[in-house]
Amino acid sequence: MNTVIQTRIDQQTKKRAEVIFNQLGLSLSDAIRMFLSQSIINRGLPFQPKLGKELSEETIQAIREVEAGIHSKKFHFVQDMIDDLES
């Protein structure tokens, strides 16, 4: 016996997902059924949810410096960048 599951999701997310699943030969309903089946098989989510890696204070400071133009250089050619790195 089948049952109906209803969920609310923004239209853009639904459309983007449908495009991907259609390319795989799946309907949105097929993909949701696969997700639920894999959740049962794995006894959890069928993927590992995780937070992005935290940036170190050193990395954050380096990003700020580049954004401010401090200690940053621009190169038109890759070889020029490599030469600069090797000097």
Protein backbone atom coordinates (compact mmCIF):
# COMPACT_ATOMS: atom_id res chain seq x y z
CA MET A 1 0.00 0.00 0.00
CA ASN A 2 1.37 3.42 -0.95
CA THR A 3 1.21 6.51 1.21
CA VAL A 4 1.62 10.19 0.37
CA ILE A 5 4.37 12.38 1.81
CA GLN A 6 4.02 16.14 1.51
CA THR A 7 6.83 18.61 2.02
CA ARG A 8 7.37 22.26 1.30
CA ILE A 9 10.41 23.34 -0.65
CA ASP A 10 11.21 26.44 -2.64
CA GLN A 11 10.40 26.25 -6.35
CA GLN A 12 13.98 26.84 -7.56
CA THR A 13 15.37 23.96 -5.49
CA LYS A 14 12.66 21.63 -6.79
CA LYS A 15 13.28 22.61 -10.41
CA ARG A 16 17.07 22.27 -10.10
CA ALA A 17 16.71 18.84 -8.49
CA GLU A 18 14.24 17.71 -11.15
CA VAL A 19 16.68 18.65 -13.92
CA ILE A 20 19.42 16.54 -12.32
CA PHE A 21 17.15 13.57 -11.62
CA ASN A 22 15.66 13.70 -15.13
CA GLN A 23 19.18 13.50 -16.56
CA LEU A 24 19.58 10.33 -14.47
CA GLY A 25 16.31 8.96 -15.81
CA LEU A 26 14.56 9.47 -12.47
CA SER A 27 11.52 11.38 -11.37
CA LEU A 28 11.58 13.43 -8.21
CA SER A 29 9.40 10.75 -6.58
CA ASP A 30 11.90 8.04 -7.67
CA ALA A 31 14.77 10.01 -6.12
CA ILE A 32 12.89 10.49 -2.86
CA ARG A 33 12.04 6.77 -2.73
CA MET A 34 15.73 5.96 -3.29
CA PHE A 35 16.72 8.38 -0.53
CA LEU A 36 14.32 6.76 1.92
CA SER A 37 15.36 3.22 0.93
CA GLN A 38 19.05 4.07 1.37
CA SER A 39 18.28 5.71 4.72
CA ILE A 40 16.73 2.42 5.86
CA ILE A 41 19.64 0.34 4.53
CA ASN A 42 22.21 2.67 6.16
CA ARG A 43 20.11 3.13 9.29
CA GLY A 44 20.74 6.85 8.93
CA LEU A 45 21.32 9.42 6.26
CA PRO A 46 22.82 7.96 3.07
CA PHE A 47 25.52 10.63 3.17
CA GLN A 48 27.62 12.16 5.90
CA PRO A 49 26.38 15.62 6.88
CA LYS A 50 29.17 17.87 8.03
CA LEU A 51 29.98 21.46 8.64
CA GLY A 52 32.54 23.16 6.46
CA LYS A 53 36.05 23.23 7.82
CA GLU A 54 36.78 26.10 10.12
CA LEU A 55 39.37 28.49 8.83
CA SER A 56 42.38 29.20 11.01
CA GLU A 57 42.97 32.75 12.18
CA GLU A 58 46.05 32.82 9.94
CA THR A 59 43.96 31.90 6.89
CA ILE A 60 41.29 34.47 7.76
CA GLN A 61 43.98 37.15 8.08
CA ALA A 62 45.50 36.14 4.73
CA ILE A 63 42.09 36.39 3.05
CA ARG A 64 41.59 39.86 4.54
CA GLU A 65 44.99 40.96 3.27
CA VAL A 66 44.31 39.73 -0.25
CA GLU A 67 40.89 41.38 -0.28
CA ALA A 68 42.53 44.64 0.86
CA GLY A 69 45.27 44.31 -1.77
CA ILE A 70 48.02 43.88 0.83
CA HIS A 71 50.86 41.55 -0.21
CA SER A 72 48.98 40.45 -3.30
CA LYS A 73 50.19 40.42 -6.87
CA LYS A 74 48.40 39.96 -10.14
CA PHE A 75 49.80 37.92 -12.99
CA HIS A 76 48.71 37.71 -16.60
CA PHE A 77 50.54 34.46 -17.25
CA VAL A 78 50.87 31.32 -15.12
CA GLN A 79 54.58 31.08 -15.84
CA ASP A 80 55.11 34.59 -14.41
CA MET A 81 53.40 33.47 -11.20
CA ILE A 82 55.53 30.32 -11.02
CA ASP A 83 58.70 32.33 -11.61
CA ASP A 84 57.70 34.71 -8.81
CA LEU A 85 56.99 31.82 -6.43
CA GLU A 86 60.35 30.23 -7.19
CA SER A 87 62.33 33.45 -6.69
